Amino acid sequence: MGTSYFTDGRSKQSAIDSLIRVTESEKFIHKTLKHSVRGNQVWTVEEATNKATGKTSVIIGLYLMSKYDGNWGYKALCEEVFPYYYNCPLSYLKMVPMKSQAWRNGVISFHNEKKNAPKLTVGSVYKLKSVEESWMGLPLEITSVKPLRGNINGQQVKFMRKMIGEKIK
């Protein structure tokens, strides 16, 4: 499945509003019970009710937002397809019957790692990991926390938190 785009030049927020609004078809009423925007990811708890039977199903959804040629679009995923994104709000796991234990384990692991990650402060020095081989193990001095920036051998660089190894000083 590809990405669907709104072609009216709407803003990102307007596109998100369209995705999370209540919709009704001949057979179903579809509601977003909760949503969270994390960068270009929109996590949702969605409820679909069959009008004929009254049967309701609830899922965790993920809309991957992207912009192309001035138009915002989305790719819709759900827990069942194992989306390989793990920053879903933990509270959503309690709201929805489990569809993929392996994916939920990844979400829990992601949040545990985030919770246990060292608090970065300007001036702290860490060894680098998970980067190109020529930089592996070099000292990285934190120069800015938001946005995340550092100094490696006198060169100012952007980096991701997962690139940080053990603290040197």
C-alpha atoms as a PDB file:
ATOM      1  CA  MET A   1       0.000   0.000   0.000  1.00  0.00           C
ATOM      2  CA  GLY A   2       1.238   3.474  -0.841  1.00  0.00           C
ATOM      3  CA  THR A   3       0.764   6.895   0.589  1.00  0.00           C
ATOM      4  CA  SER A   4      -2.460   8.881   0.150  1.00  0.00           C
ATOM      5  CA  TYR A   5      -2.139  12.645  -0.318  1.00  0.00           C
ATOM      6  CA  PHE A   6      -4.549  15.499   0.256  1.00  0.00           C
ATOM      7  CA  THR A   7      -4.297  17.624  -2.899  1.00  0.00           C
ATOM      8  CA  ASP A   8      -5.718  20.876  -1.582  1.00  0.00           C
ATOM      9  CA  GLY A   9      -2.511  22.232  -0.052  1.00  0.00           C
ATOM     10  CA  ARG A  10      -3.811  21.936   3.504  1.00  0.00           C
ATOM     11  CA  SER A  11      -1.489  22.276   6.492  1.00  0.00           C
ATOM     12  CA  LYS A  12      -0.125  19.319   8.395  1.00  0.00           C
ATOM     13  CA  GLN A  13      -2.518  20.046  11.280  1.00  0.00           C
ATOM     14  CA  SER A  14      -5.486  20.221   8.918  1.00  0.00           C
ATOM     15  CA  ALA A  15      -4.480  16.871   7.399  1.00  0.00           C
ATOM     16  CA  ILE A  16      -4.228  15.343  10.886  1.00  0.00           C
ATOM     17  CA  ASP A  17      -7.616  16.805  11.831  1.00  0.00           C
ATOM     18  CA  SER A  18      -9.117  15.081   8.774  1.00  0.00           C
ATOM     19  CA  LEU A  19      -7.628  11.753   9.826  1.00  0.00           C
ATOM     20  CA  ILE A  20      -8.877  11.848  13.411  1.00  0.00           C
ATOM     21  CA  ARG A  21     -12.412  13.192  12.883  1.00  0.00           C
ATOM     22  CA  VAL A  22     -15.496  11.010  13.322  1.00  0.00           C
ATOM     23  CA  THR A  23     -16.569   9.453  10.031  1.00  0.00           C
ATOM     24  CA  GLU A  24     -19.683   7.537   9.163  1.00  0.00           C
ATOM     25  CA  SER A  25     -20.399   5.247   6.223  1.00  0.00           C
ATOM     26  CA  GLU A  26     -23.352   3.104   5.315  1.00  0.00           C
ATOM     27  CA  LYS A  27     -22.078   0.276   7.548  1.00  0.00           C
ATOM     28  CA  PHE A  28     -19.700   1.804  10.126  1.00  0.00           C
ATOM     29  CA  ILE A  29     -19.114   4.670  12.514  1.00  0.00           C
ATOM     30  CA  HIS A  30     -15.412   5.321  12.951  1.00  0.00           C
ATOM     31  CA  LYS A  31     -14.074   7.374  15.909  1.00  0.00           C
ATOM     32  CA  THR A  32     -10.596   8.292  17.075  1.00  0.00           C
ATOM     33  CA  LEU A  33     -10.682   7.929  20.855  1.00  0.00           C
ATOM     34  CA  LYS A  34      -7.199   9.277  21.467  1.00  0.00           C
ATOM     35  CA  HIS A  35      -4.306  10.540  19.365  1.00  0.00           C
ATOM     36  CA  SER A  36      -0.717  11.677  19.821  1.00  0.00           C
ATOM     37  CA  VAL A  37       1.521  13.455  17.302  1.00  0.00           C
ATOM     38  CA  ARG A  38       5.204  12.573  17.504  1.00  0.00           C
ATOM     39  CA  GLY A  39       7.081  14.323  14.714  1.00  0.00           C
ATOM     40  CA  ASN A  40       5.570  12.979  11.496  1.00  0.00           C
ATOM     41  CA  GLN A  41       3.877  10.068  13.247  1.00  0.00           C
ATOM     42  CA  VAL A  42       0.280  10.223  14.435  1.00  0.00           C
ATOM     43  CA  TRP A  43      -0.560   7.437  16.891  1.00  0.00           C
ATOM     44  CA  THR A  44      -4.257   6.734  17.432  1.00  0.00           C
ATOM     45  CA  VAL A  45      -6.658   4.555  19.338  1.00  0.00           C
ATOM     46  CA  GLU A  46      -9.543   4.041  16.928  1.00  0.00           C
ATOM     47  CA  GLU A  47     -12.961   2.508  17.377  1.00  0.00           C
ATOM     48  CA  ALA A  48     -15.127   1.150  14.562  1.00  0.00           C
ATOM     49  CA  THR A  49     -18.755   0.251  15.262  1.00  0.00           C
ATOM     50  CA  ASN A  50     -20.812  -1.894  12.897  1.00  0.00           C
ATOM     51  CA  LYS A  51     -24.168  -0.129  12.575  1.00  0.00           C
ATOM     52  CA  ALA A  52     -26.103  -3.328  11.862  1.00  0.00           C
ATOM     53  CA  THR A  53     -24.745  -5.449  14.714  1.00  0.00           C
ATOM     54  CA  GLY A  54     -23.505  -2.829  17.179  1.00  0.00           C
ATOM     55  CA  LYS A  55     -20.240  -4.787  17.404  1.00  0.00           C
ATOM     56  CA  THR A  56     -17.249  -2.566  18.171  1.00  0.00           C
ATOM     57  CA  SER A  57     -13.561  -3.146  17.497  1.00  0.00           C
ATOM     58  CA  VAL A  58     -10.689  -1.032  18.791  1.00  0.00           C
ATOM     59  CA  ILE A  59      -7.208  -0.789  17.264  1.00  0.00           C
ATOM     60  CA  ILE A  60      -3.929   1.069  17.667  1.00  0.00           C
ATOM     61  CA  GLY A  61      -3.281   2.990  14.478  1.00  0.00           C
ATOM     62  CA  LEU A  62      -0.273   4.807  13.098  1.00  0.00           C
ATOM     63  CA  TYR A  63      -0.361   7.410  10.340  1.00  0.00           C
ATOM     64  CA  LEU A  64       3.064   8.154   8.855  1.00  0.00           C
ATOM     65  CA  MET A  65       2.802  11.724   7.600  1.00  0.00           C
ATOM     66  CA  SER A  66       4.829  13.014   4.659  1.00  0.00           C
ATOM     67  CA  LYS A  67       4.805  16.039   2.411  1.00  0.00           C
ATOM     68  CA  TYR A  68       5.201  15.861  -1.348  1.00  0.00           C
ATOM     69  CA  ASP A  69       4.858  18.672  -3.841  1.00  0.00           C
ATOM     70  CA  GLY A  70       3.301  20.945  -1.199  1.00  0.00           C
ATOM     71  CA  ASN A  71       0.674  18.395  -0.124  1.00  0.00           C
ATOM     72  CA  TRP A  72       0.537  16.427   3.098  1.00  0.00           C
ATOM     73  CA  GLY A  73      -0.173  12.725   2.931  1.00  0.00           C
ATOM     74  CA  TYR A  74      -0.229   9.657   5.127  1.00  0.00           C
ATOM     75  CA  LYS A  75       0.389   5.947   5.150  1.00  0.00           C
ATOM     76  CA  ALA A  76      -1.989   4.122   7.488  1.00  0.00           C
ATOM     77  CA  LEU A  77      -0.692   1.207   9.571  1.00  0.00           C
ATOM     78  CA  CYS A  78      -1.966  -0.678  12.604  1.00  0.00           C
ATOM     79  CA  GLU A  79      -0.563  -2.922  15.315  1.00  0.00           C
ATOM     80  CA  GLU A  80      -1.491  -6.075  13.381  1.00  0.00           C
ATOM     81  CA  VAL A  81       0.955  -5.285  10.568  1.00  0.00           C
ATOM     82  CA  PHE A  82       3.873  -4.824  13.030  1.00  0.00           C
ATOM     83  CA  PRO A  83       4.739  -1.249  12.012  1.00  0.00           C
ATOM     84  CA  TYR A  84       8.436  -1.268  13.130  1.00  0.00           C
ATOM     85  CA  TYR A  85       7.877   1.989  15.002  1.00  0.00           C
ATOM     86  CA  TYR A  86       7.933   1.698  18.772  1.00  0.00           C
ATOM     87  CA  ASN A  87       7.269   5.169  20.196  1.00  0.00           C
ATOM     88  CA  CYS A  88       3.542   4.502  20.582  1.00  0.00           C
ATOM     89  CA  PRO A  89       2.270   5.927  23.894  1.00  0.00           C
ATOM     90  CA  LEU A  90       2.348   3.168  26.525  1.00  0.00           C
ATOM     91  CA  SER A  91      -1.146   4.052  27.727  1.00  0.00           C
ATOM     92  CA  TYR A  92      -2.536   2.958  24.343  1.00  0.00           C
ATOM     93  CA  LEU A  93      -1.477  -0.641  25.011  1.00  0.00           C
ATOM     94  CA  LYS A  94      -3.896  -0.795  27.956  1.00  0.00           C
ATOM     95  CA  MET A  95      -6.782   0.588  25.912  1.00  0.00           C
ATOM     96  CA  VAL A  96      -6.711  -1.964  23.087  1.00  0.00           C
ATOM     97  CA  PRO A  97      -6.843  -5.781  22.984  1.00  0.00           C
ATOM     98  CA  MET A  98      -3.454  -7.213  21.989  1.00  0.00           C
ATOM     99  CA  LYS A  99      -2.897  -8.057  18.330  1.00  0.00           C
ATOM    100  CA  SER A 100       0.919  -8.451  18.337  1.00  0.00           C
ATOM    101  CA  GLN A 101       2.828  -9.350  21.506  1.00  0.00           C
ATOM    102  CA  ALA A 102       6.178  -9.006  19.719  1.00  0.00           C
ATOM    103  CA  TRP A 103       5.386  -5.440  18.627  1.00  0.00           C
ATOM    104  CA  ARG A 104       4.157  -4.515  22.108  1.00  0.00           C
ATOM    105  CA  ASN A 105       7.373  -5.910  23.586  1.00  0.00           C
ATOM    106  CA  GLY A 106       9.247  -3.542  21.253  1.00  0.00           C
ATOM    107  CA  VAL A 107       7.149  -0.583  22.451  1.00  0.00           C
ATOM    108  CA  ILE A 108       7.791  -1.467  26.102  1.00  0.00           C
ATOM    109  CA  SER A 109      11.514  -1.925  25.434  1.00  0.00           C
ATOM    110  CA  PHE A 110      11.685   1.441  23.622  1.00  0.00           C
ATOM    111  CA  HIS A 111      10.120   3.251  26.579  1.00  0.00           C
ATOM    112  CA  ASN A 112      12.328   1.434  29.116  1.00  0.00           C
ATOM    113  CA  GLU A 113      15.463   2.423  27.175  1.00  0.00           C
ATOM    114  CA  LYS A 114      14.239   6.009  26.937  1.00  0.00           C
ATOM    115  CA  LYS A 115      13.482   6.114  30.670  1.00  0.00           C
ATOM    116  CA  ASN A 116      16.905   4.691  31.555  1.00  0.00           C
ATOM    117  CA  ALA A 117      18.865   6.830  29.074  1.00  0.00           C
ATOM    118  CA  PRO A 118      21.450   9.138  30.641  1.00  0.00           C
ATOM    119  CA  LYS A 119      20.470  12.776  31.162  1.00  0.00           C
ATOM    120  CA  LEU A 120      22.548  14.732  28.680  1.00  0.00           C
ATOM    121  CA  THR A 121      24.088  18.012  29.768  1.00  0.00           C
ATOM    122  CA  VAL A 122      26.162  20.557  27.874  1.00  0.00           C
ATOM    123  CA  GLY A 123      29.870  19.883  28.483  1.00  0.00           C
ATOM    124  CA  SER A 124      29.459  16.142  29.151  1.00  0.00           C
ATOM    125  CA  VAL A 125      31.680  13.852  27.065  1.00  0.00           C
ATOM    126  CA  TYR A 126      30.645  10.410  25.753  1.00  0.00           C
ATOM    127  CA  LYS A 127      32.144   7.751  23.528  1.00  0.00           C
ATOM    128  CA  LEU A 128      30.368   7.400  20.211  1.00  0.00           C
ATOM    129  CA  LYS A 129      28.746   4.157  19.115  1.00  0.00           C
ATOM    130  CA  SER A 130      26.524   3.155  16.183  1.00  0.00           C
ATOM    131  CA  VAL A 131      28.048   5.590  13.711  1.00  0.00           C
ATOM    132  CA  GLU A 132      30.377   5.399  10.760  1.00  0.00           C
ATOM    133  CA  GLU A 133      33.463   3.348  11.563  1.00  0.00           C
ATOM    134  CA  SER A 134      35.923   6.252  11.426  1.00  0.00           C
ATOM    135  CA  TRP A 135      34.137   7.947  14.358  1.00  0.00           C
ATOM    136  CA  MET A 136      33.495   4.829  16.480  1.00  0.00           C
ATOM    137  CA  GLY A 137      34.783   5.343  20.022  1.00  0.00           C
ATOM    138  CA  LEU A 138      35.790   8.973  19.534  1.00  0.00           C
ATOM    139  CA  PRO A 139      34.858  11.409  22.316  1.00  0.00           C
ATOM    140  CA  LEU A 140      31.751  13.500  21.707  1.00  0.00           C
ATOM    141  CA  GLU A 141      31.323  16.651  23.786  1.00  0.00           C
ATOM    142  CA  ILE A 142      27.691  17.750  24.094  1.00  0.00           C
ATOM    143  CA  THR A 143      27.358  21.386  22.981  1.00  0.00           C
ATOM    144  CA  SER A 144      23.550  21.584  22.785  1.00  0.00           C
ATOM    145  CA  VAL A 145      20.752  19.377  24.092  1.00  0.00           C
ATOM    146  CA  LYS A 146      17.869  20.876  22.086  1.00  0.00           C
ATOM    147  CA  PRO A 147      18.656  20.489  19.256  1.00  0.00           C
ATOM    148  CA  LEU A 148      21.110  17.649  19.944  1.00  0.00           C
ATOM    149  CA  ARG A 149      24.571  18.768  18.819  1.00  0.00           C
ATOM    150  CA  GLY A 150      28.122  17.910  19.754  1.00  0.00           C
ATOM    151  CA  ASN A 151      31.787  18.423  19.006  1.00  0.00           C
ATOM    152  CA  ILE A 152      33.978  15.632  17.623  1.00  0.00           C
ATOM    153  CA  ASN A 153      37.643  16.553  17.095  1.00  0.00           C
ATOM    154  CA  GLY A 154      36.689  20.205  16.697  1.00  0.00           C
ATOM    155  CA  GLN A 155      33.884  19.483  14.221  1.00  0.00           C
ATOM    156  CA  GLN A 156      30.315  20.496  15.145  1.00  0.00           C
ATOM    157  CA  VAL A 157      27.917  17.608  14.381  1.00  0.00           C
ATOM    158  CA  LYS A 158      24.249  16.646  14.675  1.00  0.00           C
ATOM    159  CA  PHE A 159      23.649  13.235  16.204  1.00  0.00           C
ATOM    160  CA  MET A 160      20.954  10.972  17.596  1.00  0.00           C
ATOM    161  CA  ARG A 161      20.724   9.851  21.192  1.00  0.00           C
ATOM    162  CA  LYS A 162      21.193   6.214  20.167  1.00  0.00           C
ATOM    163  CA  MET A 163      24.708   7.100  18.952  1.00  0.00           C
ATOM    164  CA  ILE A 164      25.884   7.869  22.479  1.00  0.00           C
ATOM    165  CA  GLY A 165      27.940   5.269  24.320  1.00  0.00           C
ATOM    166  CA  GLU A 166      29.435   5.326  27.779  1.00  0.00           C
ATOM    167  CA  LYS A 167      30.121   8.580  29.595  1.00  0.00           C
ATOM    168  CA  ILE A 168      33.778   9.642  29.728  1.00  0.00           C
ATOM    169  CA  LYS A 169      33.397  12.793  31.846  1.00  0.00           C
END
